[in-house]
């Protein structure tokens, strides 16, 4: 039975101190090196891990000479969210999505807004036990149109996410990945073939930003985006967290939006969201609303049809206009939908232009509610 209520706070058994991996699900995408270490090939870090050790993400380790996933079937919690919170504005608008994550991350973003989960290093963060089939059944039971792998990056729990996505598809439930897109090509194909939609964090548009603040590189993320848009059927939206003094210059914002428009296409939605001081960047101010308005204006001038502001109250910046005639086809105030001027397949009532995205039937009525879910 699934209850909509605060998540359980009970801790999993500690187990024997010598057993570092109480859960050791067989991992994929690795190779054994001549020196006895195992090289993980899920993300571009290619961590080389000794027996009993863990990669930087903390959830992939080596046991008995093989790579294992140590968080399979465990979550940091479940919640029903509006799909717009992912954020996805062109994928089943107004519908509820059952969201969950695990722990750990393969990036080290100093500005992480979910750092208590993504930087978790202890089992007490993984309180909810749920096998893939149970998650899919809960989504149906709770009338959720989709399940989202979110809160921390799902590529690091690829095996758990893929099995859960298959179970969801067996029950007619869509799947959503919220990810930084920092993943190797083979693992990328394995992971995303199970996804219906993705919101990819494009954290900045310089190599210096990625290297200095994320301990990563820009090029693999751009390649993931190109591949998703041009070589898959996954619906893609992009989010950039705009950080004062770090990635908010006119030149960088214009370069980022111009790249999206020309390399991916003008119909790929871009969300520019407000930073709030957190994790290791508490000394910076929150992003002013006018900065997001400026970013939106610059991105639209670069040719993007759909640019949204996030983490601020901005009804204009959250609404959708028809790229054909300019009619406001979807009104949004935070996560609440207002006036709707599309038919059931996403065509503008005024001019008939087909809006890019996934529109099936009338809009949902979930609204801005968030409902924690506890599995019994």
Protein backbone atom coordinates (compact mmCIF):
# COMPACT_ATOMS: atom_id res chain seq x y z
CA UNK A 1 0.00 0.00 0.00
CA UNK A 2 1.19 3.53 -0.74
CA UNK A 3 0.35 6.43 1.53
CA UNK A 4 0.65 10.13 0.76
CA UNK A 5 2.31 11.32 3.96
CA UNK A 6 5.71 12.34 5.35
CA UNK A 7 8.48 9.90 4.35
CA UNK A 8 9.65 7.30 6.86
CA UNK A 9 12.64 8.33 8.93
CA UNK A 10 13.73 4.86 10.03
CA UNK A 11 17.35 3.99 9.21
CA UNK A 12 18.42 0.83 7.38
CA UNK A 13 20.34 -1.84 9.27
CA UNK A 14 23.96 -0.92 9.81
CA UNK A 15 25.23 -4.41 9.03
CA UNK A 16 28.70 -5.76 9.74
CA UNK A 17 31.35 -3.06 9.90
CA UNK A 18 33.51 -5.07 7.51
CA UNK A 19 30.73 -5.19 4.93
CA UNK A 20 31.11 -1.84 3.17
CA UNK A 21 28.37 -2.56 0.66
CA UNK A 22 25.18 -3.88 2.30
CA UNK A 23 23.70 -3.56 -1.20
CA UNK A 24 25.88 -4.71 -4.07
CA UNK A 25 23.82 -4.83 -7.26
CA UNK A 26 25.82 -5.81 -10.35
CA UNK A 27 26.96 -2.73 -12.21
CA UNK A 28 27.31 -2.14 -15.93
CA UNK A 29 29.87 -0.20 -18.00
CA UNK A 30 33.20 -1.02 -16.36
CA UNK A 31 36.42 -2.82 -17.14
CA UNK A 32 39.06 -4.52 -14.99
CA UNK A 33 42.55 -3.03 -15.27
CA UNK A 34 45.86 -4.89 -15.24
CA UNK A 35 46.74 -3.49 -11.81
CA UNK A 36 43.60 -5.01 -10.24
CA UNK A 37 41.58 -1.83 -10.11
CA UNK A 38 38.25 -1.44 -11.89
CA UNK A 39 37.62 1.48 -14.23
CA UNK A 40 34.06 2.79 -14.15
CA UNK A 41 32.89 3.83 -17.62
CA UNK A 42 29.56 5.44 -16.74
CA UNK A 43 30.79 9.05 -16.78
CA UNK A 44 33.79 10.91 -18.22
CA UNK A 45 35.58 10.79 -14.87
CA UNK A 46 36.49 7.15 -15.53
CA UNK A 47 37.19 6.57 -11.84
CA UNK A 48 39.76 3.81 -11.25
CA UNK A 49 38.62 2.11 -8.08
CA UNK A 50 40.46 -0.47 -5.95
CA UNK A 51 38.79 -3.41 -4.22
CA UNK A 52 36.45 -2.12 -1.51
CA UNK A 53 36.68 1.44 -2.78
CA UNK A 54 34.15 3.82 -4.27
CA UNK A 55 34.14 6.24 -7.16
CA UNK A 56 33.73 9.99 -6.72
CA UNK A 57 29.95 9.60 -6.94
CA UNK A 58 30.21 7.41 -3.80
CA UNK A 59 27.47 5.00 -4.91
CA UNK A 60 29.49 2.89 -7.37
CA UNK A 61 32.09 0.67 -5.74
CA UNK A 62 34.20 -2.43 -6.28
CA UNK A 63 33.39 -5.73 -4.61
CA UNK A 64 34.95 -9.07 -5.54
CA UNK A 65 36.69 -7.44 -8.49
CA UNK A 66 33.52 -6.09 -10.08
CA UNK A 67 31.72 -2.77 -10.16
CA UNK A 68 28.54 -2.69 -8.07
CA UNK A 69 25.79 -0.16 -7.39
CA UNK A 70 25.36 0.32 -3.64
CA UNK A 71 22.02 2.18 -3.66
CA UNK A 72 19.86 -0.15 -5.78
CA UNK A 73 16.29 -0.22 -4.42
CA UNK A 74 16.90 2.56 -1.89
CA UNK A 75 15.71 6.16 -2.16
CA UNK A 76 16.20 9.38 -0.25
CA UNK A 77 12.42 9.84 -0.47
CA UNK A 78 9.43 10.02 -2.79
CA UNK A 79 7.19 12.97 -3.58
CA UNK A 80 4.43 13.77 -6.06
CA UNK A 81 5.40 17.00 -7.84
CA UNK A 82 3.90 19.04 -10.65
CA UNK A 83 5.73 18.11 -13.86
CA UNK A 84 6.54 21.82 -14.28
CA UNK A 85 8.80 21.60 -11.22
CA UNK A 86 11.34 19.34 -13.01
CA UNK A 87 11.16 21.81 -14.90
CA UNK A 88 9.31 20.53 -17.97
CA UNK A 89 6.81 22.94 -19.53
CA UNK A 90 6.16 21.06 -22.78
CA UNK A 91 5.73 17.51 -21.46
CA UNK A 92 2.24 16.50 -20.28
CA UNK A 93 1.54 19.93 -18.73
CA UNK A 94 -0.38 20.09 -15.48
CA UNK A 95 0.14 16.41 -14.63
CA UNK A 96 1.60 14.89 -11.44
CA UNK A 97 4.94 13.11 -11.50
CA UNK A 98 6.19 10.68 -8.86
CA UNK A 99 9.72 11.90 -8.10
CA UNK A 100 12.59 10.21 -6.32
CA UNK A 101 16.35 10.08 -6.08
CA UNK A 102 19.03 8.22 -4.19
CA UNK A 103 22.27 9.77 -2.92
CA UNK A 104 25.59 10.91 -4.33
CA UNK A 105 26.61 12.69 -7.54
CA UNK A 106 29.34 12.55 -10.16
CA UNK A 107 29.81 16.33 -10.15
CA UNK A 108 31.12 18.53 -7.34
CA UNK A 109 29.15 21.71 -7.98
CA UNK A 110 29.96 24.28 -5.29
CA UNK A 111 26.54 25.86 -5.84
CA UNK A 112 24.51 22.64 -5.57
CA UNK A 113 20.91 23.39 -4.57
CA UNK A 114 20.26 19.77 -3.48
CA UNK A 115 23.59 19.18 -1.74
CA UNK A 116 22.10 17.40 1.30
CA UNK A 117 21.10 14.59 -1.07
CA UNK A 118 23.68 14.79 -3.83
CA UNK A 119 26.58 15.02 -1.38
CA UNK A 120 25.17 12.46 1.06
CA UNK A 121 27.72 9.94 2.29
CA UNK A 122 25.64 8.04 4.83
CA UNK A 123 22.90 5.42 4.73
CA UNK A 124 20.56 7.56 6.84
CA UNK A 125 19.80 9.53 3.66
CA UNK A 126 18.36 6.37 2.05
CA UNK A 127 15.25 5.61 4.07
CA UNK A 128 12.73 4.53 1.49
CA UNK A 129 13.05 0.95 0.26
CA UNK A 130 11.32 0.39 -3.07
CA UNK A 131 12.06 -2.09 -5.85
CA UNK A 132 11.38 -0.98 -9.43
CA UNK A 133 8.05 -2.80 -9.76
CA UNK A 134 6.76 -1.20 -6.55
CA UNK A 135 7.58 2.29 -7.83
CA UNK A 136 5.75 1.64 -11.10
CA UNK A 137 2.74 0.26 -9.24
CA UNK A 138 2.71 3.28 -6.92
CA UNK A 139 2.71 5.67 -9.88
CA UNK A 140 -0.39 3.95 -11.27
CA UNK A 141 -2.03 3.82 -7.85
CA UNK A 142 -1.40 7.54 -7.28
CA UNK A 143 -2.54 8.55 -10.80
CA UNK A 144 0.88 9.88 -11.78
CA UNK A 145 1.42 10.09 -15.53
CA UNK A 146 5.18 9.80 -15.13
CA UNK A 147 8.03 8.93 -12.78
CA UNK A 148 11.02 11.27 -12.47
CA UNK A 149 14.57 10.29 -11.54
CA UNK A 150 15.71 13.49 -9.87
CA UNK A 151 17.09 15.22 -6.72
CA UNK A 152 20.51 13.70 -7.49
CA UNK A 153 21.84 12.72 -10.90
CA UNK A 154 20.27 9.44 -12.05
CA UNK A 155 23.10 8.43 -14.38
CA UNK A 156 25.05 7.28 -11.31
CA UNK A 157 22.25 4.84 -10.39
CA UNK A 158 21.78 3.79 -14.00
CA UNK A 159 20.89 0.15 -13.28
CA UNK A 160 18.18 1.06 -10.75
CA UNK A 161 16.79 3.83 -12.98
CA UNK A 162 16.74 1.61 -16.08
CA UNK A 163 14.97 -1.25 -14.30
CA UNK A 164 12.44 1.15 -12.81
CA UNK A 165 11.84 2.81 -16.18
CA UNK A 166 11.17 -0.57 -17.81
CA UNK A 167 8.70 -1.43 -15.05
CA UNK A 168 6.99 1.93 -15.59
CA UNK A 169 6.71 1.43 -19.34
CA UNK A 170 5.17 -1.98 -18.75
CA UNK A 171 2.37 -0.16 -16.93
CA UNK A 172 2.02 2.73 -19.39
CA UNK A 173 3.80 5.25 -17.16
CA UNK A 174 6.22 7.73 -18.77
CA UNK A 175 9.72 8.37 -17.42
CA UNK A 176 11.70 11.57 -16.86
CA UNK A 177 15.41 12.10 -16.18
CA UNK A 178 16.68 15.26 -14.50
CA UNK A 179 20.41 15.16 -15.15
CA UNK A 180 23.58 17.13 -15.76
CA UNK A 181 24.20 15.01 -18.85
CA UNK A 182 27.75 14.14 -17.76
CA UNK A 183 27.83 10.58 -19.06
CA UNK A 184 29.88 8.43 -21.43
CA UNK A 185 28.39 7.49 -24.85
CA UNK A 186 27.74 3.78 -24.19
CA UNK A 187 26.22 4.38 -20.76
CA UNK A 188 24.31 7.33 -22.21
CA UNK A 189 22.63 5.13 -24.83
CA UNK A 190 21.87 2.49 -22.20
CA UNK A 191 20.35 5.02 -19.80
CA UNK A 192 18.32 7.23 -22.12
CA UNK A 193 16.75 4.44 -24.18
CA UNK A 194 14.49 4.01 -21.16
CA UNK A 195 13.55 7.72 -20.85
CA UNK A 196 10.69 9.66 -22.42
CA UNK A 197 11.79 13.14 -21.38
CA UNK A 198 14.84 14.83 -19.88
CA UNK A 199 15.72 18.13 -18.37
CA UNK A 200 19.45 18.64 -18.75
CA UNK A 201 21.37 21.10 -16.59
CA UNK A 202 23.62 23.18 -18.81
CA UNK A 203 25.37 24.79 -15.88
CA UNK A 204 27.31 27.42 -17.76
CA UNK A 205 28.88 27.93 -21.14
CA UNK A 206 32.61 28.09 -20.48
CA UNK A 207 35.12 25.35 -19.77
CA UNK A 208 36.44 27.51 -16.94
CA UNK A 209 33.06 27.50 -15.19
CA UNK A 210 32.75 23.72 -15.38
CA UNK A 211 36.35 23.12 -14.30
CA UNK A 212 36.37 25.65 -11.44
CA UNK A 213 32.92 25.12 -9.95
CA UNK A 214 31.95 21.55 -10.98
CA UNK A 215 35.29 19.71 -11.39
CA UNK A 216 34.04 18.66 -14.82
CA UNK A 217 34.16 19.61 -18.50
CA UNK A 218 31.68 21.35 -20.79
CA UNK A 219 32.19 19.32 -23.98
CA UNK A 220 30.62 16.02 -22.80
CA UNK A 221 27.45 17.86 -21.75
CA UNK A 222 27.14 19.58 -25.12
CA UNK A 223 27.64 16.23 -26.85
CA UNK A 224 24.91 14.64 -24.70
CA UNK A 225 22.53 17.43 -25.68
CA UNK A 226 23.31 17.12 -29.39
CA UNK A 227 22.83 13.36 -29.25
CA UNK A 228 19.57 13.55 -27.31
CA UNK A 229 17.98 16.10 -29.62
CA UNK A 230 19.18 14.72 -32.95
CA UNK A 231 19.52 10.97 -32.37
CA UNK A 232 16.75 10.01 -29.93
CA UNK A 233 13.02 10.51 -29.39
CA UNK A 234 13.55 11.84 -25.85
CA UNK A 235 11.81 15.17 -25.28
CA UNK A 236 14.50 17.61 -24.05
CA UNK A 237 14.38 20.84 -22.08
CA UNK A 238 17.41 22.65 -20.66
CA UNK A 239 17.95 24.48 -17.37
CA UNK A 240 20.70 26.96 -16.55
CA UNK A 241 21.05 28.18 -12.97
CA UNK A 242 22.09 31.81 -13.36
CA UNK A 243 24.65 32.69 -10.67
CA UNK A 244 25.63 36.33 -10.00
CA UNK A 245 29.16 37.06 -11.14
CA UNK A 246 29.75 33.50 -12.39
CA UNK A 247 27.72 32.83 -15.55
CA UNK A 248 25.40 35.85 -15.84
CA UNK A 249 27.28 38.10 -18.27
CA UNK A 250 25.53 39.17 -21.47
CA UNK A 251 28.22 37.51 -23.57
CA UNK A 252 27.92 34.11 -21.86
CA UNK A 253 24.12 34.13 -21.83
CA UNK A 254 24.00 35.06 -25.51
CA UNK A 255 26.58 32.42 -26.40
CA UNK A 256 24.68 29.71 -24.52
CA UNK A 257 21.31 30.60 -26.05
CA UNK A 258 22.82 30.99 -29.51
CA UNK A 259 24.38 27.54 -29.27
CA UNK A 260 21.05 26.00 -28.26
CA UNK A 261 19.22 27.77 -31.08
CA UNK A 262 21.70 26.83 -33.80
CA UNK A 263 22.93 23.42 -32.63
CA UNK A 264 19.70 22.02 -31.16
CA UNK A 265 16.96 24.15 -32.69
CA UNK A 266 14.82 27.13 -31.67
CA UNK A 267 12.02 24.96 -30.24
CA UNK A 268 14.13 23.45 -27.43
CA UNK A 269 12.90 25.16 -24.25
CA UNK A 270 15.48 26.90 -22.06
CA UNK A 271 14.79 27.58 -18.37
CA UNK A 272 16.91 30.28 -16.71
CA UNK A 273 16.57 29.82 -12.97
CA UNK A 274 17.50 31.85 -9.92
CA UNK A 275 20.39 30.76 -7.70
CA UNK A 276 20.06 30.98 -3.93
CA UNK A 277 23.10 30.88 -1.64
CA UNK A 278 23.80 27.29 -0.65
CA UNK A 279 26.42 24.57 -0.10
CA UNK A 280 29.87 26.13 -0.70
CA UNK A 281 28.66 29.39 -2.25
CA UNK A 282 26.78 31.01 0.60
CA UNK A 283 28.71 34.25 0.19
CA UNK A 284 26.98 35.16 -3.08
CA UNK A 285 23.64 36.97 -3.29
CA UNK A 286 20.53 35.35 -4.71
CA UNK A 287 19.92 36.01 -8.39
CA UNK A 288 17.83 39.16 -8.85
CA UNK A 289 14.61 38.70 -10.80
CA UNK A 290 15.73 41.37 -13.28
CA UNK A 291 18.77 39.25 -14.16
CA UNK A 292 16.48 36.43 -15.28
CA UNK A 293 14.34 38.88 -17.25
CA UNK A 294 17.50 40.07 -18.99
CA UNK A 295 18.63 36.50 -19.65
CA UNK A 296 15.23 35.66 -21.13
CA UNK A 297 15.29 38.71 -23.39
CA UNK A 298 18.81 37.91 -24.63
CA UNK A 299 17.94 34.27 -25.28
CA UNK A 300 14.84 35.15 -27.23
CA UNK A 301 16.87 37.61 -29.28
CA UNK A 302 19.19 34.72 -30.18
CA UNK A 303 16.23 32.95 -31.77
CA UNK A 304 14.86 30.67 -29.04
CA UNK A 305 11.06 30.39 -29.08
CA UNK A 306 10.54 29.22 -25.51
CA UNK A 307 12.56 30.74 -22.67
CA UNK A 308 11.28 30.49 -19.10
CA UNK A 309 12.31 32.03 -15.81
CA UNK A 310 12.45 29.79 -12.76
CA UNK A 311 12.62 30.04 -8.95
CA UNK A 312 10.99 33.50 -9.11
CA UNK A 313 7.40 34.68 -9.33
CA UNK A 314 7.12 35.78 -12.94
CA UNK A 315 3.86 34.91 -14.68
CA UNK A 316 5.06 36.38 -17.97
CA UNK A 317 8.35 34.48 -17.85
CA UNK A 318 6.58 31.25 -17.00
CA UNK A 319 3.97 31.34 -19.76
CA UNK A 320 4.13 29.92 -23.28
CA UNK A 321 3.51 31.87 -26.48
CA UNK A 322 2.79 30.36 -29.89
CA UNK A 323 5.87 30.75 -32.12
CA UNK A 324 3.57 31.07 -35.13
CA UNK A 325 1.24 33.93 -34.18
CA UNK A 326 2.37 35.08 -30.73
CA UNK A 327 -0.84 34.06 -28.94
CA UNK A 328 -0.35 33.15 -25.29
CA UNK A 329 -1.28 29.49 -25.49
CA UNK A 330 -0.42 28.42 -21.91
CA UNK A 331 -0.65 30.73 -18.92
CA UNK A 332 1.39 29.75 -15.86
CA UNK A 333 1.66 31.34 -12.44
CA UNK A 334 4.35 29.43 -10.56
CA UNK A 335 3.20 25.85 -11.25
CA UNK A 336 -0.49 26.66 -11.72
CA UNK A 337 -1.89 26.57 -15.24
CA UNK A 338 -4.30 29.28 -16.34
CA UNK A 339 -5.78 29.99 -19.76
CA UNK A 340 -5.15 27.20 -22.28
CA UNK A 341 -5.35 27.77 -26.04
CA UNK A 342 -4.14 24.46 -27.49
CA UNK A 343 -6.06 21.48 -28.79
CA UNK A 344 -5.46 18.00 -27.40
CA UNK A 345 -2.45 17.43 -29.64
CA UNK A 346 -0.75 20.78 -28.98
CA UNK A 347 -1.95 22.91 -31.90
CA UNK A 348 -2.59 26.63 -31.39
CA UNK A 349 -6.30 27.49 -31.47
CA UNK A 350 -5.53 30.74 -33.31
CA UNK A 351 -3.20 29.74 -36.15
CA UNK A 352 -2.90 25.95 -35.96
CA UNK A 353 0.85 25.91 -35.32
CA UNK A 354 1.94 22.70 -33.60
CA UNK A 355 3.75 23.52 -30.35
CA UNK A 356 6.90 21.48 -29.84
CA UNK A 357 6.56 19.01 -26.99
CA UNK A 358 4.48 16.09 -25.77
CA UNK A 359 0.79 16.99 -25.51
CA UNK A 360 -1.72 14.20 -25.05
CA UNK A 361 -5.30 15.22 -24.34
CA UNK A 362 -6.37 18.17 -22.20
CA UNK A 363 -3.99 19.66 -19.62
CA UNK A 364 -3.76 18.12 -16.16
CA UNK A 365 -5.17 19.79 -13.07
CA UNK A 366 -2.56 18.81 -10.48
CA UNK A 367 -1.45 22.42 -9.94
CA UNK A 368 1.32 23.42 -7.55
CA UNK A 369 0.75 20.75 -4.92
CA UNK A 370 3.61 18.67 -3.54
CA UNK A 371 2.72 15.48 -1.70
CA UNK A 372 5.35 13.39 0.10
CA UNK A 373 4.82 9.66 -0.37
CA UNK A 374 5.66 6.87 2.06
CA UNK A 375 5.76 3.23 1.00
CA UNK A 376 4.35 0.81 3.56
